[in-house]
Amino acid sequence: MNSIKAGFFVTGTDTGVGKTLVSSLILHALSTRGKKVVGMKPIAAGKENGKWLDVELLQTAGNVRVAYELMCPYALDQAVAPHIAASQEGVEIDLATINSAFQVLKKAADYVVVEGVGGFLVPVNSYQDTSNMAQSLGLPVILVVGMRLGCINHALLTVQAVLRTGLPLLGWIANCIDPEMQVLEENIMALQHRIDRPLLGTVPYNSPPDLRVLSHFVDLSEVI
């Protein structure tokens, strides 16, 4: 077993901006370089047809097989804010439990790609939020910006929140979630001008997503 060489914490400007897709693309891109990679979704809120689809996608994109409970210590049924979903199920989300699972994963892979839940400041229990989870893991951050109306403000606020934690912000990825978005390139340029971190890729809208194709739009050369 190798100790971890690197890992990433993938956060987003909001829920539904494509964190799982981008995390899967990162896993796929690393695996094609011959790296041992595993994804982690510490908290999944929302079960569909008896499955947590985000976790399933990360599991498929990685090439290291681990116990489901290590990839996702907290699998919650309701697609609502995680602290509310946990409360409804009588569960208290404990960051120490998440960190223990992460410690096992990082011994099994060269890279662990950890996907956050919701945005960067979403509560996970009565006194901690996703930023505290990122800090407890100590991983550098990659920001997913869902390209849609309003994304500039959400992106810049999230950048400020990440930098306040003291964690390195490695860069950001523009994920084109709205195929009808107007002045897309102008929005990306505005963000490039205002975010003092590299744009690591622009992922085009693709439905259904093809990981093999879309992974070519993510450039990790500046961060690995």
Protein backbone atom coordinates (compact mmCIF):
# COMPACT_ATOMS: atom_id res chain seq x y z
CA MET A 1 0.00 0.00 0.00
CA ASN A 2 1.32 3.43 -0.92
CA SER A 3 0.76 6.46 1.27
CA ILE A 4 -1.18 9.21 -0.42
CA LYS A 5 0.75 11.39 -2.86
CA ALA A 6 -2.04 13.89 -3.23
CA GLY A 7 -5.72 14.42 -2.85
CA PHE A 8 -8.35 17.02 -3.56
CA PHE A 9 -11.45 18.37 -1.89
CA VAL A 10 -13.99 19.26 -4.57
CA THR A 11 -16.49 21.92 -3.58
CA GLY A 12 -19.03 23.90 -5.57
CA THR A 13 -20.78 27.23 -5.80
CA ASP A 14 -24.08 25.56 -4.90
CA THR A 15 -25.87 22.25 -5.00
CA GLY A 16 -26.54 20.81 -8.45
CA VAL A 17 -23.53 22.43 -10.12
CA GLY A 18 -21.81 19.18 -11.07
CA LYS A 19 -19.42 18.37 -8.23
CA THR A 20 -19.95 14.64 -8.71
CA LEU A 21 -19.39 14.87 -12.45
CA VAL A 22 -16.21 16.91 -12.08
CA SER A 23 -14.93 14.67 -9.28
CA SER A 24 -15.50 11.68 -11.56
CA LEU A 25 -13.68 13.41 -14.41
CA ILE A 26 -10.73 14.06 -12.12
CA LEU A 27 -10.70 10.41 -11.06
CA HIS A 28 -10.90 9.27 -14.68
CA ALA A 29 -8.13 11.65 -15.78
CA LEU A 30 -5.83 10.43 -13.00
CA SER A 31 -6.57 6.76 -13.63
CA THR A 32 -5.64 7.15 -17.30
CA ARG A 33 -2.24 8.33 -16.07
CA GLY A 34 -1.83 5.02 -14.28
CA LYS A 35 -2.63 6.35 -10.81
CA LYS A 36 -4.48 4.45 -8.11
CA VAL A 37 -7.50 6.60 -7.34
CA VAL A 38 -10.56 6.44 -5.17
CA GLY A 39 -13.46 8.80 -4.70
CA MET A 40 -15.11 9.72 -1.43
CA LYS A 41 -18.50 11.30 -0.79
CA PRO A 42 -18.48 11.60 3.00
CA ILE A 43 -22.11 12.72 3.14
CA ALA A 44 -24.70 11.78 0.52
CA ALA A 45 -28.21 13.16 0.98
CA GLY A 46 -30.84 11.77 -1.34
CA LYS A 47 -31.53 8.17 -2.33
CA GLU A 48 -33.05 7.32 -5.72
CA ASN A 49 -34.37 3.84 -6.48
CA GLY A 50 -32.55 2.48 -3.47
CA LYS A 51 -29.18 3.96 -4.47
CA TRP A 52 -27.09 7.02 -3.82
CA LEU A 53 -26.25 7.85 -7.41
CA ASP A 54 -23.40 10.26 -6.63
CA VAL A 55 -21.56 7.55 -4.71
CA GLU A 56 -22.22 5.02 -7.48
CA LEU A 57 -20.70 7.35 -10.08
CA LEU A 58 -17.61 8.01 -7.99
CA GLN A 59 -17.22 4.29 -7.36
CA THR A 60 -17.35 3.62 -11.10
CA ALA A 61 -14.84 6.37 -11.92
CA GLY A 62 -12.21 5.15 -9.43
CA ASN A 63 -10.00 2.10 -9.85
CA VAL A 64 -9.49 1.14 -6.19
CA ARG A 65 -12.23 -0.97 -4.66
CA VAL A 66 -13.04 -0.20 -1.04
CA ALA A 67 -15.98 -0.75 1.28
CA TYR A 68 -19.00 1.41 0.51
CA GLU A 69 -19.06 2.66 4.11
CA LEU A 70 -15.56 4.08 3.68
CA MET A 71 -16.51 5.97 0.53
CA CYS A 72 -19.69 7.27 2.14
CA PRO A 73 -19.83 7.12 5.95
CA TYR A 74 -23.14 9.00 5.98
CA ALA A 75 -25.70 7.90 3.37
CA LEU A 76 -28.93 9.76 4.12
CA ASP A 77 -32.29 9.11 2.51
CA GLN A 78 -33.73 12.60 2.06
CA ALA A 79 -32.48 15.06 -0.57
CA VAL A 80 -32.41 18.00 1.83
CA ALA A 81 -29.67 19.86 3.71
CA PRO A 82 -27.46 17.21 5.33
CA HIS A 83 -27.88 18.36 8.93
CA ILE A 84 -31.66 18.24 8.48
CA ALA A 85 -31.59 14.85 6.75
CA ALA A 86 -29.37 13.47 9.50
CA SER A 87 -31.64 14.85 12.22
CA GLN A 88 -34.68 13.26 10.60
CA GLU A 89 -32.90 9.90 10.73
CA GLY A 90 -31.63 10.32 14.27
CA VAL A 91 -28.03 10.58 13.10
CA GLU A 92 -25.35 13.02 14.25
CA ILE A 93 -22.73 13.64 11.56
CA ASP A 94 -19.30 13.39 13.21
CA LEU A 95 -16.28 14.75 11.34
CA ALA A 96 -14.03 12.36 13.28
CA THR A 97 -15.86 9.43 11.68
CA ILE A 98 -15.34 10.94 8.24
CA ASN A 99 -11.67 11.55 8.96
CA SER A 100 -11.18 7.95 10.12
CA ALA A 101 -12.62 6.64 6.84
CA PHE A 102 -10.42 9.05 4.89
CA GLN A 103 -7.31 7.81 6.70
CA VAL A 104 -8.07 4.28 5.49
CA LEU A 105 -8.69 5.42 1.91
CA LYS A 106 -5.51 7.45 1.66
CA LYS A 107 -3.46 4.33 2.43
CA ALA A 108 -5.06 2.50 -0.49
CA ALA A 109 -4.61 5.07 -3.26
CA ASP A 110 -2.26 7.60 -4.79
CA TYR A 111 -5.07 10.15 -4.95
CA VAL A 112 -8.27 10.50 -2.94
CA VAL A 113 -10.86 12.80 -4.49
CA VAL A 114 -13.28 13.94 -1.80
CA GLU A 115 -16.54 15.53 -2.91
CA GLY A 116 -18.23 17.93 -0.54
CA VAL A 117 -21.97 18.21 -0.05
CA GLY A 118 -23.89 21.23 -1.34
CA GLY A 119 -21.94 24.48 -1.18
CA PHE A 120 -18.87 25.23 0.92
CA LEU A 121 -20.73 26.52 3.98
CA VAL A 122 -23.62 24.05 4.15
CA PRO A 123 -24.17 22.88 7.77
CA VAL A 124 -23.35 19.24 8.47
CA ASN A 125 -24.40 19.27 12.13
CA SER A 126 -25.51 21.81 14.73
CA TYR A 127 -22.16 23.59 14.89
CA GLN A 128 -20.00 22.61 11.88
CA ASP A 129 -20.26 22.99 8.11
CA THR A 130 -18.61 21.71 4.96
CA SER A 131 -15.68 24.10 5.36
CA ASN A 132 -14.89 22.44 8.70
CA MET A 133 -14.96 19.06 6.97
CA ALA A 134 -12.47 20.29 4.36
CA GLN A 135 -10.23 21.66 7.12
CA SER A 136 -10.36 18.42 9.09
CA LEU A 137 -9.18 16.49 6.03
CA GLY A 138 -6.52 19.07 5.21
CA LEU A 139 -6.86 18.73 1.47
CA PRO A 140 -6.35 21.43 -1.16
CA VAL A 141 -9.56 22.61 -2.78
CA ILE A 142 -10.83 22.59 -6.35
CA LEU A 143 -13.91 24.75 -6.96
CA VAL A 144 -16.64 23.76 -9.41
CA VAL A 145 -18.50 26.75 -10.83
CA GLY A 146 -21.85 25.85 -12.32
CA MET A 147 -22.09 28.18 -15.32
CA ARG A 148 -25.52 29.77 -15.13
CA LEU A 149 -27.01 33.17 -14.41
CA GLY A 150 -25.72 34.40 -11.04
CA CYS A 151 -22.60 32.23 -11.02
CA ILE A 152 -20.12 35.12 -10.81
CA ASN A 153 -21.34 36.27 -7.42
CA HIS A 154 -21.62 32.70 -6.08
CA ALA A 155 -18.12 31.86 -7.33
CA LEU A 156 -16.43 34.92 -5.85
CA LEU A 157 -18.13 34.47 -2.48
CA THR A 158 -17.09 30.81 -2.40
CA VAL A 159 -13.49 31.72 -3.25
CA GLN A 160 -13.45 34.12 -0.29
CA ALA A 161 -14.87 31.43 1.98
CA VAL A 162 -12.27 28.87 0.90
CA LEU A 163 -9.36 31.26 1.32
CA ARG A 164 -10.52 32.18 4.83
CA THR A 165 -10.01 28.56 5.91
CA GLY A 166 -6.32 28.75 5.03
CA LEU A 167 -6.63 25.76 2.71
CA PRO A 168 -4.94 26.04 -0.69
CA LEU A 169 -7.36 26.76 -3.54
CA LEU A 170 -5.69 24.96 -6.44
CA GLY A 171 -8.00 26.26 -9.14
CA TRP A 172 -11.51 26.18 -10.50
CA ILE A 173 -13.46 24.37 -13.19
CA ALA A 174 -16.25 25.90 -15.24
CA ASN A 175 -19.01 23.34 -15.65
CA CYS A 176 -21.52 24.29 -18.33
CA ILE A 177 -24.76 23.12 -16.73
CA ASP A 178 -27.06 25.47 -18.67
CA PRO A 179 -26.95 24.80 -22.43
CA GLU A 180 -28.90 28.03 -23.02
CA MET A 181 -26.66 30.31 -20.95
CA GLN A 182 -26.06 33.63 -22.64
CA VAL A 183 -22.58 35.22 -22.94
CA LEU A 184 -20.91 32.12 -21.52
CA GLU A 185 -17.40 33.05 -22.62
CA GLU A 186 -17.77 36.56 -21.21
CA ASN A 187 -18.76 35.10 -17.84
CA ILE A 188 -15.77 32.76 -17.85
CA MET A 189 -13.46 35.64 -18.74
CA ALA A 190 -14.92 37.74 -15.91
CA LEU A 191 -14.18 34.94 -13.45
CA GLN A 192 -10.68 34.41 -14.80
CA HIS A 193 -9.99 38.11 -14.27
CA ARG A 194 -11.25 38.01 -10.67
CA ILE A 195 -10.12 34.59 -9.39
CA ASP A 196 -6.39 34.52 -8.78
CA ARG A 197 -6.19 30.81 -9.39
CA PRO A 198 -5.94 28.85 -12.66
CA LEU A 199 -8.93 27.73 -14.68
CA LEU A 200 -8.39 23.97 -14.79
CA GLY A 201 -10.95 23.29 -17.47
CA THR A 202 -14.25 24.17 -19.06
CA VAL A 203 -16.55 21.16 -19.18
CA PRO A 204 -19.12 21.47 -21.98
CA TYR A 205 -22.76 20.54 -21.52
CA ASN A 206 -23.16 16.87 -22.33
CA SER A 207 -26.25 14.79 -21.63
CA PRO A 208 -25.87 12.00 -20.81
CA PRO A 209 -22.30 12.70 -19.65
CA ASP A 210 -19.51 10.66 -21.17
CA LEU A 211 -16.63 10.55 -18.68
CA ARG A 212 -14.10 9.35 -21.23
CA VAL A 213 -14.83 12.29 -23.52
CA LEU A 214 -15.37 14.97 -20.90
CA SER A 215 -12.22 14.10 -18.92
CA HIS A 216 -10.18 15.59 -21.78
CA PHE A 217 -11.58 19.00 -20.87
CA VAL A 218 -9.97 18.89 -17.40
CA ASP A 219 -6.28 19.85 -17.24
CA LEU A 220 -4.58 18.82 -14.00
CA SER A 221 -1.04 19.57 -15.16
CA GLU A 222 -0.83 22.64 -12.90
CA VAL A 223 -1.87 20.82 -9.74
CA ILE A 224 -0.18 17.40 -9.87
